Structures are given as C-alpha cells and as structure tokens.
Amino acid sequence: MTKIIISTLLLCSSVAVFSQKENTDIKKGNELYEQGKYVEAEVKYREGLKKNPQSYGATYNLANALYKQERYEDALEYYQVAGSKLKEKDNLEKAAVAHNIGNALLKTDKYAESIQAYKQALRYNPNDEDSRYNLAYAQQMLLQQPPQQQSGQNQDDQNQDQNNQNKNQQQQQQQNDQSMSKENAEQILKAIEEDEKDIQEKIKLKEKKDAKRYNVEKEW
C-alpha cells in the first residue's frame, strides 16, 4: 500500500508552456530533472525566471524541483504562484497545480488542507484518478490522526475565540470599573456636600452664639 501511495504522489507531468526568452533554460532544466538532478534543475528554472518572471513553465517546474528535494514549504509557495499565472480556461494545468499543492500539504501532514486541494483538482479535472486516490488517502490519514492533532488544526480559530472572549471580559471589566468609579465619585461628592452642610450649620450656630454674646455685653 505504501509503495502505491508514493507512486501516486508522483508529480503530474511538467507542463512547460514558455516563450523563446526562457526556452533554453527550461529545456535544460527539464533534462536535468529527468536525470534526477533536481538541484541543478532548480538553478536552470531560476535562471529562466530571471529572464521572464511571468513564466508559468519556469515557476511550475521550479516547484517540482523543490518538491523532489523535499523542500515542501518552498514548493508549495511556487505552486501557488504558478497557479496565479494561469488563465481561466487552463483547467488541466490548474488541476495539476492543485494536485501538487495537495501533495506538498500532505507531505507536511496538513491533511485537512490537502483534502481541499485535491477536491479543487477534481473540480478542474473530474477524470484525474491520481487526485481521487490521494483525496481518499488524505481523508483516511485525517481520520487516523490523534484527537489532539485533529483539534490542533482548528487551534487558531479556538485561540481567536478565546482572544475575543478575553477582550469582551476586559471591556466588561472596564465598564464595571467606570461604573464603580462614577459611583465612588458620587459618594465622595455627597460626603463633601454633607460636610459642607455641617460646616455651614456650625458657622450659623456660631454666629447666633456670637450675636447673643454681643447683645449681652452691649446691654451691660
């Protein structure tokens, strides 16, 4: 079973539609690629890209060479760039790119994401048996993942929810603090007013006493 899976994960044929400008570099890169000289092939594809940064063939084949070197993250990046250079009608090429994106994701144990890539490949090419096989394999691998790893694929969403919850709690606490601060301020103001009232009453009382004392002295 493992041997068949590896064979199925072999990259789709290197579609190389290129202009004369980078033609020589891509052809040489393809020769090296077929010989298993993936590092040397990478160099040639990069040279082709320098001459024509918009070249789909150089970009796609560079991704293939990187994949063969087991540099899956780098390969994924160039597959995605290659896909962005295709026209709307290039369904077979889009299927190949999506298939290989699925391969790169599968190799890095991103099963849920690889499943989506294979499904996309089948939308572009419903007759792609390699994508259909790899889709089933990725689904099987996803089911075999330990529960904590499966939940880990949604960890970012959970973290975001937790962050939102914490933010809401902080906002609620701030509102409570503001409410308490307002209440405290009112209590302090009320206390000050009471003190002022007491002071005024004491002043009036003192004035009355002073007036009485003044009247007595005057009469005397």
Protein backbone atom coordinates (compact mmCIF):
# COMPACT_ATOMS: atom_id res chain seq x y z
CA MET A 1 0.00 0.00 0.00
CA THR A 2 2.79 2.44 0.93
CA LYS A 3 4.57 1.83 -2.37
CA ILE A 4 1.41 2.57 -4.35
CA ILE A 5 0.80 5.76 -2.37
CA ILE A 6 4.29 7.04 -3.10
CA SER A 7 3.84 6.26 -6.76
CA THR A 8 0.51 8.05 -6.77
CA LEU A 9 2.10 11.09 -5.15
CA LEU A 10 4.47 11.48 -8.08
CA LEU A 11 4.05 14.89 -9.62
CA CYS A 12 1.93 15.46 -12.64
CA SER A 13 3.78 15.90 -15.90
CA SER A 14 5.73 19.14 -16.07
CA VAL A 15 3.63 21.38 -18.24
CA ALA A 16 6.01 23.88 -19.80
CA VAL A 17 4.38 26.47 -21.97
CA PHE A 18 7.07 29.09 -22.32
CA SER A 19 8.32 31.78 -24.63
CA GLN A 20 11.58 31.75 -26.56
CA LYS A 21 13.08 34.07 -23.95
CA GLU A 22 13.46 31.40 -21.25
CA ASN A 23 13.10 28.41 -23.59
CA THR A 24 16.70 27.22 -23.33
CA ASP A 25 16.87 27.37 -19.55
CA ILE A 26 13.62 25.47 -19.08
CA LYS A 27 14.57 22.78 -21.59
CA LYS A 28 17.92 22.28 -19.87
CA GLY A 29 16.19 22.23 -16.51
CA ASN A 30 13.79 19.56 -17.74
CA GLU A 31 16.69 17.41 -18.93
CA LEU A 32 18.37 17.67 -15.55
CA TYR A 33 15.07 17.00 -13.80
CA GLU A 34 14.54 13.79 -15.78
CA GLN A 35 18.06 12.71 -14.76
CA GLY A 36 17.19 13.20 -11.11
CA LYS A 37 19.50 16.21 -10.79
CA TYR A 38 16.94 18.34 -9.00
CA VAL A 39 19.31 20.93 -7.55
CA GLU A 40 20.84 21.61 -10.96
CA ALA A 41 17.37 21.71 -12.49
CA GLU A 42 16.33 24.25 -9.86
CA VAL A 43 19.19 26.51 -10.89
CA LYS A 44 18.11 26.43 -14.54
CA TYR A 45 14.48 27.12 -13.74
CA ARG A 46 15.51 30.09 -11.60
CA GLU A 47 17.59 31.40 -14.49
CA GLY A 48 14.54 31.11 -16.71
CA LEU A 49 12.51 33.05 -14.16
CA LYS A 50 15.07 35.84 -14.08
CA LYS A 51 14.67 36.25 -17.82
CA ASN A 52 10.89 36.11 -17.62
CA PRO A 53 9.37 36.45 -14.12
CA GLN A 54 5.91 35.79 -15.57
CA SER A 55 6.87 32.38 -16.94
CA TYR A 56 4.40 29.73 -15.81
CA GLY A 57 6.62 26.91 -17.05
CA ALA A 58 9.69 28.03 -15.11
CA THR A 59 7.65 28.64 -11.95
CA TYR A 60 5.77 25.35 -12.07
CA ASN A 61 8.84 23.27 -12.87
CA LEU A 62 10.85 25.04 -10.17
CA ALA A 63 8.17 23.98 -7.69
CA ASN A 64 8.53 20.41 -8.96
CA ALA A 65 12.30 20.50 -8.45
CA LEU A 66 11.88 21.87 -4.93
CA TYR A 67 9.31 19.19 -4.16
CA LYS A 68 11.72 16.49 -5.29
CA GLN A 69 14.29 17.93 -2.87
CA GLU A 70 11.68 17.51 -0.11
CA ARG A 71 11.52 21.27 0.36
CA TYR A 72 7.77 21.10 0.57
CA GLU A 73 7.07 24.55 2.02
CA ASP A 74 9.13 26.20 -0.73
CA ALA A 75 7.47 24.02 -3.35
CA LEU A 76 4.02 24.97 -2.04
CA GLU A 77 4.84 28.66 -2.40
CA TYR A 78 5.87 28.30 -6.04
CA TYR A 79 2.91 26.07 -6.90
CA GLN A 80 0.62 28.79 -5.61
CA VAL A 81 2.47 31.42 -7.64
CA ALA A 82 2.27 29.20 -10.72
CA GLY A 83 -1.47 28.81 -10.28
CA SER A 84 -1.91 32.57 -10.17
CA LYS A 85 -0.30 32.84 -13.62
CA LEU A 86 -2.80 30.56 -15.35
CA LYS A 87 -5.74 31.74 -17.38
CA GLU A 88 -9.33 30.95 -16.53
CA LYS A 89 -9.64 28.33 -19.26
CA ASP A 90 -6.48 26.39 -18.35
CA ASN A 91 -8.36 23.75 -16.37
CA LEU A 92 -5.92 20.86 -16.89
CA GLU A 93 -2.97 22.98 -15.79
CA LYS A 94 -4.97 24.25 -12.81
CA ALA A 95 -5.80 20.68 -11.88
CA ALA A 96 -2.11 19.77 -12.00
CA VAL A 97 -1.18 22.70 -9.78
CA ALA A 98 -3.94 21.94 -7.27
CA HIS A 99 -2.93 18.27 -7.22
CA ASN A 100 0.67 19.14 -6.42
CA ILE A 101 -0.38 21.68 -3.81
CA GLY A 102 -2.25 18.80 -2.21
CA ASN A 103 0.91 16.67 -2.39
CA ALA A 104 3.02 19.33 -0.67
CA LEU A 105 0.41 19.79 2.06
CA LEU A 106 0.07 16.03 2.50
CA LYS A 107 3.83 15.70 2.92
CA THR A 108 3.72 18.22 5.78
CA ASP A 109 0.82 16.37 7.48
CA LYS A 110 -1.69 19.13 6.70
CA TYR A 111 -4.35 16.61 5.81
CA ALA A 112 -7.42 18.82 6.03
CA GLU A 113 -5.84 21.40 3.72
CA SER A 114 -4.61 18.75 1.29
CA ILE A 115 -8.13 17.36 1.07
CA GLN A 116 -9.39 20.74 -0.09
CA ALA A 117 -6.60 20.96 -2.67
CA TYR A 118 -7.43 17.54 -4.12
CA LYS A 119 -11.10 18.43 -4.27
CA GLN A 120 -10.14 21.57 -6.18
CA ALA A 121 -8.06 19.50 -8.59
CA LEU A 122 -11.06 17.24 -9.23
CA ARG A 123 -13.28 20.24 -9.92
CA TYR A 124 -10.89 21.25 -12.68
CA ASN A 125 -10.40 17.70 -13.91
CA PRO A 126 -13.02 15.19 -12.72
CA ASN A 127 -11.17 12.38 -14.53
CA ASP A 128 -7.97 12.80 -12.50
CA GLU A 129 -7.64 9.40 -10.82
CA ASP A 130 -4.41 10.37 -9.02
CA SER A 131 -6.18 13.24 -7.25
CA ARG A 132 -9.12 10.97 -6.46
CA TYR A 133 -6.81 8.38 -4.93
CA ASN A 134 -4.82 10.94 -2.96
CA LEU A 135 -8.04 12.54 -1.73
CA ALA A 136 -9.16 9.21 -0.27
CA TYR A 137 -5.73 8.68 1.26
CA ALA A 138 -5.67 12.15 2.84
CA GLN A 139 -9.15 11.60 4.27
CA GLN A 140 -8.00 8.30 5.76
CA MET A 141 -4.92 9.93 7.29
CA LEU A 142 -7.04 12.70 8.78
CA LEU A 143 -9.26 10.12 10.50
CA GLN A 144 -6.20 8.34 11.87
CA GLN A 145 -4.80 11.49 13.44
CA PRO A 146 -4.82 11.55 17.24
CA PRO A 147 -7.70 13.69 18.54
CA GLN A 148 -5.35 16.36 19.87
CA GLN A 149 -3.74 16.73 16.44
CA GLN A 150 -7.12 16.98 14.73
CA SER A 151 -8.19 19.64 17.19
CA GLY A 152 -4.85 21.33 16.63
CA GLN A 153 -5.82 22.08 13.05
CA ASN A 154 -8.59 24.29 14.43
CA GLN A 155 -6.43 25.73 17.22
CA ASP A 156 -6.10 29.11 15.51
CA ASP A 157 -9.87 29.51 15.43
CA GLN A 158 -10.13 28.47 19.07
CA ASN A 159 -7.38 30.89 20.04
CA GLN A 160 -9.19 33.66 18.19
CA ASP A 161 -12.41 32.83 20.03
CA GLN A 162 -10.55 32.88 23.34
CA ASN A 163 -8.97 36.21 22.48
CA ASN A 164 -12.38 37.64 21.64
CA GLN A 165 -13.78 36.30 24.90
CA ASN A 166 -10.91 37.81 26.87
CA LYS A 167 -11.39 41.11 25.06
CA ASN A 168 -15.09 41.11 25.90
CA GLN A 169 -14.29 40.36 29.52
CA GLN A 170 -11.78 43.20 29.61
CA GLN A 171 -14.31 45.57 28.10
CA GLN A 172 -16.91 44.45 30.64
CA GLN A 173 -14.41 44.95 33.46
CA GLN A 174 -13.58 48.40 32.16
CA GLN A 175 -17.29 49.25 32.09
CA ASN A 176 -17.65 47.94 35.64
CA ASP A 177 -14.63 49.94 36.75
CA GLN A 178 -16.06 53.04 35.11
CA SER A 179 -19.39 52.39 36.80
CA MET A 180 -17.72 51.90 40.17
CA SER A 181 -15.61 54.98 39.64
CA LYS A 182 -18.71 57.01 38.89
CA GLU A 183 -20.46 55.61 41.94
CA ASN A 184 -17.44 56.33 44.13
CA ALA A 185 -17.24 59.85 42.76
CA GLU A 186 -20.90 60.42 43.59
CA GLN A 187 -20.39 59.09 47.11
CA ILE A 188 -17.38 61.32 47.62
CA LEU A 189 -19.29 64.33 46.30
CA LYS A 190 -22.21 63.54 48.55
CA ALA A 191 -19.89 63.25 51.52
CA ILE A 192 -18.30 66.58 50.66
CA GLU A 193 -21.73 68.18 50.39
CA GLU A 194 -22.70 66.75 53.76
CA ASP A 195 -19.50 68.06 55.29
CA GLU A 196 -20.13 71.48 53.78
CA LYS A 197 -23.68 71.42 55.13
CA ASP A 198 -22.40 70.56 58.58
CA ILE A 199 -19.82 73.31 58.36
CA GLN A 200 -22.43 75.86 57.28
CA GLU A 201 -24.70 74.83 60.14
CA LYS A 202 -21.83 75.13 62.59
CA ILE A 203 -20.98 78.56 61.21
CA LYS A 204 -24.59 79.71 61.57
CA LEU A 205 -24.75 78.30 65.07
CA LYS A 206 -21.55 80.10 66.00
CA GLU A 207 -22.87 83.36 64.52
CA LYS A 208 -26.02 83.08 66.67
CA LYS A 209 -23.97 82.48 69.78
CA ASP A 210 -21.71 85.39 68.96
CA ALA A 211 -24.74 87.64 68.37
CA LYS A 212 -26.22 86.76 71.76
CA ARG A 213 -22.92 87.35 73.47
CA TYR A 214 -22.60 90.71 71.72
CA ASN A 215 -26.13 91.79 72.77
CA VAL A 216 -25.49 90.92 76.43
CA GLU A 217 -22.29 92.81 76.54
CA LYS A 218 -23.88 95.84 74.90
CA GLU A 219 -26.74 95.92 77.37
CA TRP A 220 -24.35 95.61 80.25
